[in-house]
Amino acid sequence: MTVTIKKSKAKGIIAAPPSKSMAHRALICGALSGGSDVHNIEYSNDILATLDCLTALGAKIEIQDSKIKCGGLNPFNAKETTLDCRESGSTLRFMIPLAFLSGAKITLTGSERLFARNLTIYEEIAKQNSIFFEKGKNSLTVCGKLKSGNYKIAGNISSQFISGLLFALPLLDGDSTLEITGEYESEPYVDLTIKSLGDFGVAIEKCGRIYKIKGNQKYETKNITVEGDYSNAAFLDGFNLLGGDVLVTGLDESSLQGDKIYKKMYEGLKNGEKQFDLSNCPDLAPVMFALSAVFGGAHFTGTKRLKIKESDRAAAMQTELKKFGIKVDVNDNDVTVHGGELKAPSETLCGHNDHRIVMALSLLCTLTGGSIGDAQSVAKSYPDYFEKIKSLGIVIGRR
């Protein structure tokens, strides 16, 4: 799908969409309980992938508008099955440890891009536990049982590995520890997992870089409402830096979401700040690259892991910002967006099958006009994004 956006300004009040990060976590915890209600769900492709996988493992899922009743999953009793993770990295990395619990042969499938992303941490853990682990271009088959024990994980790869283990280890008979080694990036995402586990009665003790996990814990039945999403609110709030007047509601100021730092970053851009560290908030990279182009450029560090997202996000934004007349330098762990005059692109922009690239480019198109291909990829996290910004006065066409 190609979306054409004309020069226009956003104005109005809009609610932030539900947090995809918290929805994944609440649904998994709820499924592992006897039966819970999870409210304020938006059915993005990633959330649908998690729901499909939980159902395949044996959970009872009942969808009632924006509420989901879920429960009854005993992963130790899971039978041989296939889990379709689609393009969701969170789904894949959260499901693998649960798949390690039954001893049954379980195959996880998805896009080639998804399985090009690193899984070596789980492969090493599988070897420690004599678990069969066979990875293909778009699948992974595992068979074996995870044991309680002491595990070490490098902190600079993905917090999703840590979170995945935190869902599974409390269910095992013995106690476990999880030690984070090296540089620890995206720690706020692990804090979200610990919060969600705590909401469902599962306790994790954090001692510096070591998580202490008691075994034989039970997920309690709860009634949970998913909080608003700072990651996608950043795009809505971004219109305010471009002359818009948008009030984004439904965000919890006490939230543990790491991406709520976008508000401080936006203030920095407006005040002429030129240095930003994205180590703990890589999902903000596309929108920060786009907005910095409007504010005379900036230098970003902590960008190494952008290569392993839905697209190579630094390279993708380099390509697309060039179409606006903006030069971008991409190095191994830093990106420089140079200042320059923003020009209307003379060719269709490419969304690189990446929801955050598409939304970032949409902001710039409201200043210059332009068309974006692969626009349907917003469905990964924000299916009605274009309808929402159209309601704010952004002029949009499709083909």
Protein backbone atom coordinates (compact mmCIF):
# COMPACT_ATOMS: atom_id res chain seq x y z
CA MET A 1 0.00 0.00 0.00
CA THR A 2 1.21 3.48 -0.88
CA VAL A 3 0.04 6.47 1.15
CA THR A 4 0.27 10.03 -0.14
CA ILE A 5 0.44 12.82 2.42
CA LYS A 6 -0.04 16.47 1.55
CA LYS A 7 1.35 19.45 3.41
CA SER A 8 -0.82 19.80 6.49
CA LYS A 9 -0.69 20.36 10.23
CA ALA A 10 -2.08 18.16 12.98
CA LYS A 11 -4.43 19.60 15.55
CA GLY A 12 -6.64 17.97 18.15
CA ILE A 13 -6.81 15.56 21.06
CA ILE A 14 -5.90 11.90 20.61
CA ALA A 15 -5.47 8.96 22.96
CA ALA A 16 -2.20 7.08 22.87
CA PRO A 17 -2.64 3.53 21.59
CA PRO A 18 -2.19 0.67 24.10
CA SER A 19 1.40 -0.30 24.82
CA LYS A 20 2.39 -3.22 22.60
CA SER A 21 5.24 -4.06 24.99
CA MET A 22 2.93 -4.26 28.00
CA ALA A 23 0.22 -6.08 26.05
CA HIS A 24 2.61 -8.90 25.08
CA ARG A 25 3.61 -9.28 28.71
CA ALA A 26 0.11 -9.09 30.17
CA LEU A 27 -1.26 -11.62 27.70
CA ILE A 28 1.52 -14.12 28.41
CA CYS A 29 1.12 -13.72 32.17
CA GLY A 30 -2.65 -13.89 31.88
CA ALA A 31 -2.46 -17.04 29.76
CA LEU A 32 -0.25 -18.67 32.40
CA SER A 33 -2.82 -17.85 35.09
CA GLY A 34 -6.01 -19.73 35.84
CA GLY A 35 -8.00 -17.14 33.92
CA SER A 36 -7.50 -13.37 33.67
CA ASP A 37 -9.03 -10.37 31.93
CA VAL A 38 -6.69 -8.09 29.99
CA HIS A 39 -8.30 -4.81 28.90
CA ASN A 40 -7.31 -2.15 26.33
CA ILE A 41 -5.87 -4.41 23.63
CA GLU A 42 -5.24 -3.23 20.08
CA TYR A 43 -4.98 -6.05 17.56
CA SER A 44 -1.71 -5.22 15.83
CA ASN A 45 0.00 -7.97 13.85
CA ASP A 46 2.52 -8.55 16.65
CA ILE A 47 -0.18 -8.97 19.29
CA LEU A 48 -2.12 -11.33 17.02
CA ALA A 49 1.05 -13.40 16.65
CA THR A 50 1.39 -13.71 20.42
CA LEU A 51 -2.27 -14.68 20.78
CA ASP A 52 -1.92 -17.35 18.07
CA CYS A 53 1.16 -18.81 19.75
CA LEU A 54 -0.44 -18.90 23.20
CA THR A 55 -3.46 -20.67 21.72
CA ALA A 56 -1.23 -23.22 19.96
CA LEU A 57 0.51 -23.95 23.26
CA GLY A 58 -2.81 -24.67 24.93
CA ALA A 59 -4.10 -21.38 26.35
CA LYS A 60 -7.80 -20.55 26.25
CA ILE A 61 -8.23 -17.17 24.56
CA GLU A 62 -11.55 -15.35 24.24
CA ILE A 63 -11.65 -11.97 22.46
CA GLN A 64 -14.35 -9.53 23.57
CA ASP A 65 -13.81 -6.26 21.69
CA SER A 66 -10.76 -4.64 23.34
CA LYS A 67 -10.80 -7.12 26.24
CA ILE A 68 -9.24 -10.58 26.19
CA LYS A 69 -10.07 -13.37 28.61
CA CYS A 70 -7.06 -15.66 28.79
CA GLY A 71 -5.77 -18.47 30.97
CA GLY A 72 -5.34 -22.17 31.44
CA LEU A 73 -1.91 -22.50 29.83
CA ASN A 74 0.27 -25.18 31.42
CA PRO A 75 3.39 -25.13 29.23
CA PHE A 76 4.64 -28.36 30.79
CA ASN A 77 1.71 -30.14 29.12
CA ALA A 78 2.14 -28.59 25.67
CA LYS A 79 1.97 -31.06 22.77
CA GLU A 80 3.91 -31.10 19.52
CA THR A 81 2.83 -27.97 17.67
CA THR A 82 3.85 -25.05 15.47
CA LEU A 83 3.97 -21.46 16.70
CA ASP A 84 3.66 -18.81 13.99
CA CYS A 85 5.50 -15.71 15.22
CA ARG A 86 4.98 -13.83 11.92
CA GLU A 87 7.42 -10.90 12.09
CA SER A 88 7.33 -10.33 15.86
CA GLY A 89 10.69 -10.46 17.60
CA SER A 90 9.05 -10.14 21.01
CA THR A 91 6.76 -13.07 20.30
CA LEU A 92 9.59 -15.31 19.12
CA ARG A 93 11.94 -14.55 21.99
CA PHE A 94 9.22 -14.72 24.64
CA MET A 95 7.87 -18.05 23.35
CA ILE A 96 11.13 -19.99 23.05
CA PRO A 97 11.67 -20.47 26.83
CA LEU A 98 8.02 -21.54 27.20
CA ALA A 99 8.62 -24.03 24.39
CA PHE A 100 11.59 -25.36 26.38
CA LEU A 101 9.31 -26.46 29.26
CA SER A 102 7.26 -29.34 27.86
CA GLY A 103 9.89 -31.55 26.27
CA ALA A 104 7.64 -31.77 23.20
CA LYS A 105 8.82 -31.00 19.68
CA ILE A 106 7.79 -27.42 19.00
CA THR A 107 8.51 -25.50 15.81
CA LEU A 108 8.46 -21.71 15.74
CA THR A 109 8.02 -20.10 12.33
CA GLY A 110 8.09 -16.58 10.91
CA SER A 111 9.64 -14.36 8.27
CA GLU A 112 13.21 -14.80 7.09
CA ARG A 113 14.03 -11.33 8.41
CA LEU A 114 12.84 -12.39 11.86
CA PHE A 115 15.01 -15.51 11.90
CA ALA A 116 18.00 -13.57 10.62
CA ARG A 117 18.01 -11.91 14.05
CA ASN A 118 20.26 -13.32 16.75
CA LEU A 119 19.16 -16.39 18.75
CA THR A 120 22.57 -17.59 19.92
CA ILE A 121 21.82 -16.94 23.59
CA TYR A 122 18.96 -19.44 23.51
CA GLU A 123 21.07 -21.84 21.45
CA GLU A 124 23.74 -21.80 24.18
CA ILE A 125 21.13 -22.38 26.89
CA ALA A 126 19.72 -25.26 24.85
CA LYS A 127 23.17 -26.88 24.73
CA GLN A 128 23.53 -26.52 28.51
CA ASN A 129 20.23 -28.36 28.96
CA SER A 130 20.66 -30.92 26.13
CA ILE A 131 17.68 -29.40 24.31
CA PHE A 132 17.41 -30.06 20.57
CA PHE A 133 17.75 -26.71 18.76
CA GLU A 134 17.64 -26.53 14.96
CA LYS A 135 17.34 -23.21 13.18
CA GLY A 136 16.37 -22.77 9.53
CA LYS A 137 15.85 -19.73 7.30
CA ASN A 138 12.39 -19.09 8.65
CA SER A 139 11.92 -21.58 11.48
CA LEU A 140 13.31 -22.98 14.70
CA THR A 141 12.56 -26.44 16.09
CA VAL A 142 13.24 -27.23 19.75
CA CYS A 143 12.68 -30.35 21.82
CA GLY A 144 13.78 -30.79 25.41
CA LYS A 145 13.31 -29.48 28.91
CA LEU A 146 14.75 -26.39 30.55
CA LYS A 147 16.16 -26.89 34.04
CA SER A 148 16.46 -24.42 36.88
CA GLY A 149 19.96 -23.15 37.51
CA ASN A 150 22.35 -20.24 37.14
CA TYR A 151 22.37 -18.54 33.76
CA LYS A 152 24.44 -15.72 32.30
CA ILE A 153 23.32 -13.45 29.47
CA ALA A 154 25.20 -10.65 27.72
CA GLY A 155 23.35 -7.40 28.27
CA ASN A 156 24.17 -5.82 24.91
CA ILE A 157 22.21 -8.10 22.57
CA SER A 158 18.48 -7.90 23.37
CA SER A 159 16.53 -7.56 26.57
CA GLN A 160 13.92 -9.90 25.07
CA PHE A 161 16.10 -12.91 25.88
CA ILE A 162 16.15 -11.89 29.53
CA SER A 163 12.41 -11.28 29.60
CA GLY A 164 11.70 -14.60 27.90
CA LEU A 165 13.58 -16.51 30.57
CA LEU A 166 11.89 -14.51 33.34
CA PHE A 167 8.50 -15.80 32.16
CA ALA A 168 9.63 -19.44 32.30
CA LEU A 169 12.14 -19.83 35.14
CA PRO A 170 9.68 -19.09 38.01
CA LEU A 171 7.62 -22.12 36.92
CA LEU A 172 10.47 -24.62 37.38
CA ASP A 173 10.93 -26.75 40.50
CA GLY A 174 14.23 -25.24 41.66
CA ASP A 175 15.45 -21.70 42.19
CA SER A 176 17.42 -19.91 39.47
CA THR A 177 19.57 -16.86 38.93
CA LEU A 178 20.03 -14.78 35.80
CA GLU A 179 23.22 -12.73 35.65
CA ILE A 180 23.67 -9.93 33.13
CA THR A 181 27.23 -9.53 31.86
CA GLY A 182 28.92 -6.67 30.01
CA GLU A 183 27.16 -3.50 28.96
CA TYR A 184 23.45 -3.59 29.84
CA GLU A 185 21.26 -2.00 27.16
CA SER A 186 17.46 -1.71 27.11
CA GLU A 187 17.21 -2.49 30.82
CA PRO A 188 13.90 -0.55 31.07
CA TYR A 189 12.25 -3.27 28.99
CA VAL A 190 13.26 -5.88 31.58
CA ASP A 191 11.83 -3.61 34.27
CA LEU A 192 8.52 -3.73 32.36
CA THR A 193 8.65 -7.53 32.45
CA ILE A 194 9.33 -7.60 36.18
CA LYS A 195 6.43 -5.20 36.73
CA SER A 196 4.07 -7.35 34.69
CA LEU A 197 5.19 -10.51 36.49
CA GLY A 198 4.62 -8.75 39.80
CA ASP A 199 1.13 -7.70 38.69
CA PHE A 200 0.35 -11.41 38.31
CA GLY A 201 1.92 -12.43 41.62
CA VAL A 202 5.30 -13.66 40.37
CA ALA A 203 8.22 -12.19 42.33
CA ILE A 204 11.68 -11.51 40.88
CA GLU A 205 14.41 -10.14 43.15
CA LYS A 206 16.87 -7.82 41.45
CA CYS A 207 20.31 -7.57 43.06
CA GLY A 208 22.45 -5.34 40.89
CA ARG A 209 23.10 -7.32 37.71
CA ILE A 210 21.64 -10.55 39.09
CA TYR A 211 17.97 -11.55 39.04
CA LYS A 212 17.03 -14.09 41.72
CA ILE A 213 14.08 -16.25 40.77
CA LYS A 214 12.28 -18.55 43.18
CA GLY A 215 10.90 -21.74 41.65
CA ASN A 216 7.42 -23.25 41.93
CA GLN A 217 5.70 -19.88 41.58
CA LYS A 218 2.15 -19.54 40.26
CA TYR A 219 0.66 -16.88 38.04
CA GLU A 220 -2.37 -15.41 39.80
CA THR A 221 -5.70 -14.54 38.18
CA LYS A 222 -5.90 -10.79 37.62
CA ASN A 223 -7.91 -8.04 35.96
CA ILE A 224 -5.39 -5.83 34.11
CA THR A 225 -5.66 -2.76 31.89
CA VAL A 226 -2.82 -2.17 29.42
CA GLU A 227 -1.36 1.32 29.74
CA GLY A 228 -0.83 3.78 26.89
CA ASP A 229 2.19 3.40 24.64
CA TYR A 230 4.98 5.97 24.79
CA SER A 231 6.76 4.40 21.79
CA ASN A 232 3.93 5.20 19.38
CA ALA A 233 2.85 8.34 21.23
CA ALA A 234 6.23 9.74 20.20
CA PHE A 235 5.02 9.94 16.61
CA LEU A 236 1.78 11.67 17.59
CA ASP A 237 3.60 14.12 19.85
CA GLY A 238 6.16 14.66 17.10
CA PHE A 239 3.63 16.72 15.16
CA ASN A 240 3.96 19.38 17.86
CA LEU A 241 7.58 19.94 16.85
CA LEU A 242 6.39 20.59 13.29
CA GLY A 243 3.92 23.38 14.07
CA GLY A 244 1.02 21.16 15.13
CA ASP A 245 -1.15 21.40 18.22
CA VAL A 246 -1.82 17.87 19.46
CA LEU A 247 -2.69 16.73 22.96
CA VAL A 248 -1.85 13.06 23.50
CA THR A 249 -3.85 11.54 26.35
CA GLY A 250 -3.78 8.18 28.12
CA LEU A 251 -0.11 8.11 29.11
CA ASP A 252 0.90 7.13 32.64
CA GLU A 253 3.49 9.61 33.88
CA SER A 254 4.77 7.03 36.38
CA SER A 255 5.22 4.41 33.64
CA LEU A 256 8.43 2.36 33.52
CA GLN A 257 8.47 2.49 29.71
CA GLY A 258 11.93 3.57 28.65
CA ASP A 259 10.59 5.36 25.59
CA LYS A 260 8.90 8.02 27.70
CA ILE A 261 12.30 9.72 27.51
CA TYR A 262 11.18 10.98 24.11
CA LYS A 263 9.67 14.00 25.85
CA LYS A 264 13.09 15.07 27.19
CA MET A 265 14.68 14.37 23.82
CA TYR A 266 12.11 16.54 22.05
CA GLU A 267 12.81 19.38 24.49
CA GLY A 268 16.50 18.89 23.74
CA LEU A 269 15.90 19.18 19.99
CA LYS A 270 13.91 22.38 20.45
CA ASN A 271 16.66 23.82 22.66
CA GLY A 272 19.45 23.08 20.19
CA GLU A 273 20.82 19.89 21.76
CA LYS A 274 22.94 17.88 19.30
CA GLN A 275 23.96 14.73 21.23
CA PHE A 276 21.59 11.84 22.04
CA ASP A 277 22.17 8.31 23.35
CA LEU A 278 19.70 5.73 21.99
CA SER A 279 21.13 2.68 23.79
CA ASN A 280 18.08 2.26 26.02
CA CYS A 281 15.47 3.46 23.52
CA PRO A 282 16.32 2.10 20.04
CA ASP A 283 12.68 2.26 18.93
CA LEU A 284 12.90 6.06 19.07
CA ALA A 285 15.72 6.14 16.51
CA PRO A 286 13.63 6.61 13.32
CA VAL A 287 11.51 9.43 14.71
CA MET A 288 14.52 11.14 16.28
CA PHE A 289 16.47 10.92 13.01
CA ALA A 290 13.51 12.41 11.14
CA LEU A 291 12.86 15.25 13.57
CA SER A 292 16.54 16.11 13.96
CA ALA A 293 16.63 16.71 10.19
CA VAL A 294 14.15 19.54 10.78
CA PHE A 295 16.20 20.97 13.65
CA GLY A 296 19.58 21.26 11.96
CA GLY A 297 20.81 17.72 12.53
CA ALA A 298 22.22 15.80 15.51
CA HIS A 299 24.63 13.06 16.51
CA PHE A 300 23.30 9.78 17.94
CA THR A 301 25.20 7.07 19.81
CA GLY A 302 24.11 3.58 20.89
CA THR A 303 22.78 2.71 17.43
CA LYS A 304 24.52 -0.65 16.86
CA ARG A 305 21.43 -2.78 17.42
CA LEU A 306 19.39 -0.87 14.84
CA LYS A 307 20.78 -3.31 12.26
CA ILE A 308 18.74 -6.17 13.73
CA LYS A 309 15.33 -4.52 13.91
CA GLU A 310 12.50 -4.97 11.38
CA SER A 311 14.86 -3.25 8.96
CA ASP A 312 18.40 -1.98 9.25
CA ARG A 313 16.92 1.22 10.64
CA ALA A 314 19.95 3.48 10.42
CA ALA A 315 20.65 2.49 6.81
CA ALA A 316 16.95 2.74 5.94
CA MET A 317 16.65 6.26 7.32
CA GLN A 318 19.91 7.23 5.61
CA THR A 319 18.38 6.17 2.27
CA GLU A 320 15.05 7.89 2.83
CA LEU A 321 16.37 11.14 4.31
CA LYS A 322 18.61 11.47 1.26
CA LYS A 323 15.39 11.76 -0.78
CA PHE A 324 14.55 14.82 1.36
CA GLY A 325 17.99 16.28 0.64
CA ILE A 326 19.41 15.39 4.07
CA LYS A 327 22.79 13.67 4.43
CA VAL A 328 23.21 10.97 7.07
CA ASP A 329 26.44 9.25 8.13
CA VAL A 330 26.06 5.74 9.55
CA ASN A 331 28.84 4.08 11.52
CA ASP A 332 28.95 0.92 13.62
CA ASN A 333 27.51 2.46 16.79
CA ASP A 334 26.71 6.07 15.93
CA VAL A 335 24.72 8.04 13.39
CA THR A 336 25.06 11.68 12.33
CA VAL A 337 22.14 13.47 10.73
CA HIS A 338 23.46 16.60 9.03
CA GLY A 339 21.63 19.88 8.81
CA GLY A 340 20.19 21.03 5.52
CA GLU A 341 17.12 22.30 3.74
CA LEU A 342 14.29 19.76 3.76
CA LYS A 343 13.06 19.28 0.19
CA ALA A 344 10.01 17.50 -1.18
CA PRO A 345 11.05 14.00 -2.32
CA SER A 346 10.82 13.54 -6.09
CA GLU A 347 10.26 9.78 -5.78
CA THR A 348 8.15 7.49 -3.63
CA LEU A 349 9.65 6.87 -0.21
CA CYS A 350 10.21 3.29 0.91
CA GLY A 351 8.93 2.10 4.28
CA HIS A 352 11.35 -0.88 4.29
CA ASN A 353 8.55 -3.06 5.68
CA ASP A 354 9.13 -1.31 9.02
CA HIS A 355 6.29 0.34 10.92
CA ARG A 356 8.53 2.86 12.67
CA ILE A 357 10.24 3.93 9.45
CA VAL A 358 6.84 4.55 7.83
CA MET A 359 5.55 6.60 10.75
CA ALA A 360 8.78 8.64 10.96
CA LEU A 361 8.59 9.47 7.25
CA SER A 362 4.94 10.44 7.59
CA LEU A 363 5.94 13.28 9.91
CA LEU A 364 8.29 14.78 7.35
CA CYS A 365 5.75 14.40 4.55
CA THR A 366 3.39 16.73 6.40
CA LEU A 367 6.02 19.45 5.82
CA THR A 368 6.92 18.69 2.20
CA GLY A 369 4.27 16.39 0.83
CA GLY A 370 5.21 12.95 -0.39
CA SER A 371 4.24 9.31 -0.92
CA ILE A 372 5.32 6.33 1.20
CA GLY A 373 5.35 2.74 -0.03
CA ASP A 374 5.08 -0.28 2.31
CA ALA A 375 2.72 1.86 4.37
CA GLN A 376 0.71 -1.21 5.39
CA SER A 377 3.57 -2.18 7.72
CA VAL A 378 2.15 0.18 10.37
CA ALA A 379 -0.20 -2.73 11.16
CA LYS A 380 2.69 -4.33 13.04
CA SER A 381 2.11 -2.00 15.99
CA TYR A 382 -0.49 0.68 15.10
CA PRO A 383 -3.05 -0.63 12.56
CA ASP A 384 -5.18 2.52 12.42
CA TYR A 385 -2.31 5.02 12.49
CA PHE A 386 -3.29 6.75 9.26
CA GLU A 387 -6.95 6.97 10.26
CA LYS A 388 -5.89 8.52 13.56
CA ILE A 389 -3.64 11.19 12.08
CA LYS A 390 -6.26 11.92 9.41
CA SER A 391 -8.65 12.70 12.27
CA LEU A 392 -6.10 15.30 13.41
CA GLY A 393 -6.28 17.08 10.07
CA ILE A 394 -3.44 15.42 8.14
CA VAL A 395 -4.44 15.20 4.48
CA ILE A 396 -3.97 11.61 3.25
CA GLY A 397 -4.67 9.65 0.09
CA ARG A 398 -4.03 5.97 -0.69
CA ARG A 399 -3.49 3.70 -3.65
